[in-house]
Amino acid sequence: MTISVYLKVHFFLKRREGNLSDVEISRLNSWALGLRVLAVLPLPWQQRCSSLHEHPHLIMEVLLMRKQLQSATLVTQIYFN
């Protein structure tokens, strides 16, 4: 099961029961943002950063450290839109 499918199933099952904890909501939001960040990156960088899907700020750090400024710009557009 892919991460996005897992997230959807987990979210909808928990949402129906009404018992999502604050930690679960925070984690789901982080995953969602991480997946959105990955989606705007070029394919090679999606593959390189895919293991960081739960940590969008680390994806940004990797891009900056590797001087991928165009990709980093795309990521900042997600954060500020």
N, C-alpha and C. Protein backbone atom coordinates (compact mmCIF):
# COMPACT_ATOMS: atom_id res chain seq x y z
N MET A 1 0.86 -1.18 0.00
CA MET A 1 0.00 0.00 0.00
C MET A 1 0.90 1.24 0.00
N THR A 2 0.65 2.16 -0.90
CA THR A 2 1.47 3.38 -0.94
C THR A 2 1.15 4.26 0.25
N ILE A 3 2.05 5.17 0.51
CA ILE A 3 1.88 6.06 1.66
C ILE A 3 0.60 6.86 1.55
N SER A 4 0.33 7.40 0.36
CA SER A 4 -0.87 8.24 0.22
C SER A 4 -2.15 7.44 0.44
N VAL A 5 -2.18 6.20 -0.04
CA VAL A 5 -3.35 5.35 0.18
C VAL A 5 -3.47 5.03 1.67
N TYR A 6 -2.35 4.72 2.30
CA TYR A 6 -2.36 4.43 3.74
C TYR A 6 -2.90 5.63 4.51
N LEU A 7 -2.44 6.83 4.15
CA LEU A 7 -2.90 8.04 4.83
C LEU A 7 -4.40 8.21 4.69
N LYS A 8 -4.91 8.03 3.48
CA LYS A 8 -6.34 8.19 3.25
C LYS A 8 -7.15 7.19 4.05
N VAL A 9 -6.75 5.93 4.01
CA VAL A 9 -7.47 4.89 4.75
C VAL A 9 -7.43 5.18 6.25
N HIS A 10 -6.23 5.47 6.75
CA HIS A 10 -6.08 5.75 8.18
C HIS A 10 -6.92 6.95 8.60
N PHE A 11 -6.84 8.03 7.81
CA PHE A 11 -7.56 9.24 8.15
C PHE A 11 -9.07 9.02 8.15
N PHE A 12 -9.57 8.38 7.10
CA PHE A 12 -11.03 8.21 7.01
C PHE A 12 -11.56 7.24 8.06
N LEU A 13 -10.81 6.18 8.36
CA LEU A 13 -11.26 5.26 9.40
C LEU A 13 -11.28 5.95 10.75
N LYS A 14 -10.23 6.68 11.06
CA LYS A 14 -10.18 7.37 12.35
C LYS A 14 -11.20 8.50 12.40
N ARG A 15 -11.38 9.19 11.29
CA ARG A 15 -12.31 10.31 11.25
C ARG A 15 -13.74 9.84 11.51
N ARG A 16 -14.08 8.68 10.95
CA ARG A 16 -15.43 8.13 11.16
C ARG A 16 -15.68 7.86 12.64
N GLU A 17 -14.64 7.37 13.32
CA GLU A 17 -14.78 7.06 14.74
C GLU A 17 -14.65 8.31 15.60
N GLY A 18 -14.10 9.36 15.02
CA GLY A 18 -13.95 10.62 15.76
C GLY A 18 -12.88 10.58 16.83
N ASN A 19 -11.87 9.75 16.64
CA ASN A 19 -10.87 9.65 17.69
C ASN A 19 -9.44 9.87 17.20
N LEU A 20 -9.26 10.81 16.29
CA LEU A 20 -7.91 11.19 15.88
C LEU A 20 -7.28 12.02 17.00
N SER A 21 -6.13 11.59 17.44
CA SER A 21 -5.43 12.36 18.46
C SER A 21 -4.72 13.54 17.82
N ASP A 22 -4.30 14.49 18.63
CA ASP A 22 -3.57 15.65 18.11
C ASP A 22 -2.27 15.22 17.45
N VAL A 23 -1.63 14.21 18.00
CA VAL A 23 -0.38 13.70 17.42
C VAL A 23 -0.65 13.10 16.05
N GLU A 24 -1.74 12.34 15.91
CA GLU A 24 -2.08 11.75 14.61
C GLU A 24 -2.42 12.82 13.59
N ILE A 25 -3.15 13.82 14.01
CA ILE A 25 -3.49 14.92 13.10
C ILE A 25 -2.22 15.64 12.65
N SER A 26 -1.33 15.90 13.57
CA SER A 26 -0.07 16.57 13.24
C SER A 26 0.75 15.73 12.27
N ARG A 27 0.82 14.44 12.53
CA ARG A 27 1.59 13.55 11.66
C ARG A 27 0.97 13.47 10.26
N LEU A 28 -0.35 13.37 10.18
CA LEU A 28 -1.02 13.35 8.89
C LEU A 28 -0.80 14.65 8.12
N ASN A 29 -0.84 15.77 8.82
CA ASN A 29 -0.59 17.05 8.17
C ASN A 29 0.84 17.14 7.67
N SER A 30 1.79 16.62 8.46
CA SER A 30 3.19 16.62 8.04
C SER A 30 3.39 15.74 6.81
N TRP A 31 2.79 14.55 6.82
CA TRP A 31 2.87 13.66 5.65
C TRP A 31 2.28 14.33 4.43
N ALA A 32 1.12 14.95 4.60
CA ALA A 32 0.46 15.60 3.47
C ALA A 32 1.33 16.71 2.89
N LEU A 33 1.91 17.51 3.75
CA LEU A 33 2.78 18.59 3.28
C LEU A 33 4.03 18.01 2.61
N GLY A 34 4.60 16.98 3.21
CA GLY A 34 5.78 16.33 2.61
C GLY A 34 5.48 15.77 1.24
N LEU A 35 4.32 15.17 1.08
CA LEU A 35 3.94 14.63 -0.24
C LEU A 35 3.69 15.74 -1.24
N ARG A 36 3.13 16.85 -0.78
CA ARG A 36 2.93 18.00 -1.68
C ARG A 36 4.27 18.56 -2.12
N VAL A 37 5.22 18.63 -1.19
CA VAL A 37 6.56 19.13 -1.53
C VAL A 37 7.21 18.21 -2.54
N LEU A 38 7.15 16.91 -2.30
CA LEU A 38 7.74 15.96 -3.24
C LEU A 38 7.11 16.05 -4.62
N ALA A 39 5.83 16.29 -4.67
CA ALA A 39 5.11 16.32 -5.94
C ALA A 39 5.59 17.43 -6.87
N VAL A 40 6.08 18.54 -6.33
CA VAL A 40 6.52 19.64 -7.19
C VAL A 40 7.97 19.50 -7.63
N LEU A 41 8.70 18.56 -7.05
CA LEU A 41 10.12 18.41 -7.39
C LEU A 41 10.28 17.61 -8.68
N PRO A 42 11.38 17.85 -9.39
CA PRO A 42 11.68 17.00 -10.55
C PRO A 42 11.88 15.55 -10.09
N LEU A 43 11.61 14.62 -10.97
CA LEU A 43 11.64 13.19 -10.63
C LEU A 43 12.92 12.75 -9.92
N PRO A 44 14.11 13.14 -10.39
CA PRO A 44 15.30 12.67 -9.67
C PRO A 44 15.32 13.11 -8.21
N TRP A 45 14.84 14.31 -7.94
CA TRP A 45 14.83 14.81 -6.56
C TRP A 45 13.68 14.20 -5.76
N GLN A 46 12.60 13.84 -6.43
CA GLN A 46 11.53 13.10 -5.73
C GLN A 46 12.10 11.78 -5.22
N GLN A 47 12.86 11.10 -6.07
CA GLN A 47 13.43 9.81 -5.69
C GLN A 47 14.46 9.97 -4.58
N ARG A 48 15.30 10.98 -4.67
CA ARG A 48 16.34 11.19 -3.66
C ARG A 48 15.76 11.56 -2.30
N CYS A 49 14.66 12.29 -2.31
CA CYS A 49 14.11 12.81 -1.05
C CYS A 49 12.88 12.05 -0.56
N SER A 50 12.49 10.99 -1.25
CA SER A 50 11.24 10.31 -0.90
C SER A 50 11.21 9.77 0.53
N SER A 51 12.35 9.39 1.06
CA SER A 51 12.36 8.87 2.44
C SER A 51 12.13 9.97 3.47
N LEU A 52 12.18 11.21 3.05
CA LEU A 52 11.97 12.34 3.96
C LEU A 52 10.54 12.87 3.91
N HIS A 53 9.62 12.08 3.36
CA HIS A 53 8.25 12.55 3.16
C HIS A 53 7.57 13.05 4.43
N GLU A 54 8.00 12.58 5.59
CA GLU A 54 7.40 13.04 6.85
C GLU A 54 8.05 14.31 7.37
N HIS A 55 9.12 14.73 6.72
CA HIS A 55 9.89 15.87 7.22
C HIS A 55 10.16 16.87 6.10
N PRO A 56 9.14 17.64 5.72
CA PRO A 56 9.32 18.57 4.60
C PRO A 56 10.44 19.58 4.81
N HIS A 57 10.69 19.97 6.06
CA HIS A 57 11.78 20.92 6.31
C HIS A 57 13.13 20.30 5.96
N LEU A 58 13.28 18.99 6.13
CA LEU A 58 14.53 18.33 5.76
C LEU A 58 14.69 18.25 4.25
N ILE A 59 13.59 18.10 3.53
CA ILE A 59 13.65 18.11 2.07
C ILE A 59 14.21 19.46 1.62
N MET A 60 13.73 20.53 2.22
CA MET A 60 14.20 21.87 1.89
C MET A 60 15.69 22.01 2.19
N GLU A 61 16.12 21.50 3.34
CA GLU A 61 17.53 21.58 3.70
C GLU A 61 18.41 20.83 2.70
N VAL A 62 17.96 19.65 2.27
CA VAL A 62 18.72 18.88 1.29
C VAL A 62 18.84 19.66 -0.01
N LEU A 63 17.74 20.23 -0.45
CA LEU A 63 17.77 21.01 -1.69
C LEU A 63 18.74 22.18 -1.59
N LEU A 64 18.72 22.87 -0.48
CA LEU A 64 19.61 24.01 -0.30
C LEU A 64 21.07 23.57 -0.20
N MET A 65 21.32 22.50 0.51
CA MET A 65 22.70 22.01 0.64
C MET A 65 23.25 21.55 -0.71
N ARG A 66 22.39 21.02 -1.56
CA ARG A 66 22.82 20.54 -2.88
C ARG A 66 22.69 21.62 -3.95
N LYS A 67 22.41 22.84 -3.51
CA LYS A 67 22.32 24.01 -4.40
C LYS A 67 21.28 23.82 -5.51
N GLN A 68 20.17 23.24 -5.15
CA GLN A 68 19.04 23.07 -6.06
C GLN A 68 18.07 24.23 -5.81
N LEU A 69 18.51 25.42 -6.17
CA LEU A 69 17.77 26.62 -5.83
C LEU A 69 16.42 26.73 -6.55
N GLN A 70 16.35 26.26 -7.78
CA GLN A 70 15.07 26.31 -8.50
C GLN A 70 14.04 25.42 -7.81
N SER A 71 14.46 24.22 -7.42
CA SER A 71 13.55 23.32 -6.71
C SER A 71 13.20 23.88 -5.34
N ALA A 72 14.16 24.47 -4.66
CA ALA A 72 13.90 25.07 -3.35
C ALA A 72 12.88 26.21 -3.47
N THR A 73 12.96 26.95 -4.57
CA THR A 73 11.99 28.02 -4.81
C THR A 73 10.58 27.45 -4.95
N LEU A 74 10.45 26.34 -5.66
CA LEU A 74 9.14 25.70 -5.79
C LEU A 74 8.59 25.30 -4.42
N VAL A 75 9.46 24.78 -3.57
CA VAL A 75 9.04 24.35 -2.24
C VAL A 75 8.59 25.55 -1.42
N THR A 76 9.30 26.65 -1.49
CA THR A 76 8.90 27.82 -0.72
C THR A 76 7.55 28.36 -1.19
N GLN A 77 7.25 28.19 -2.47
CA GLN A 77 5.94 28.61 -2.95
C GLN A 77 4.83 27.80 -2.28
N ILE A 78 5.08 26.54 -2.00
CA ILE A 78 4.09 25.72 -1.28
C ILE A 78 3.92 26.23 0.14
N TYR A 79 5.02 26.53 0.81
CA TYR A 79 4.95 26.98 2.19
C TYR A 79 4.23 28.31 2.33
N PHE A 80 4.37 29.20 1.37
CA PHE A 80 3.84 30.55 1.50
C PHE A 80 2.57 30.79 0.72
N ASN A 81 2.01 29.77 0.10
CA ASN A 81 0.74 29.92 -0.63
C ASN A 81 -0.41 29.41 0.18
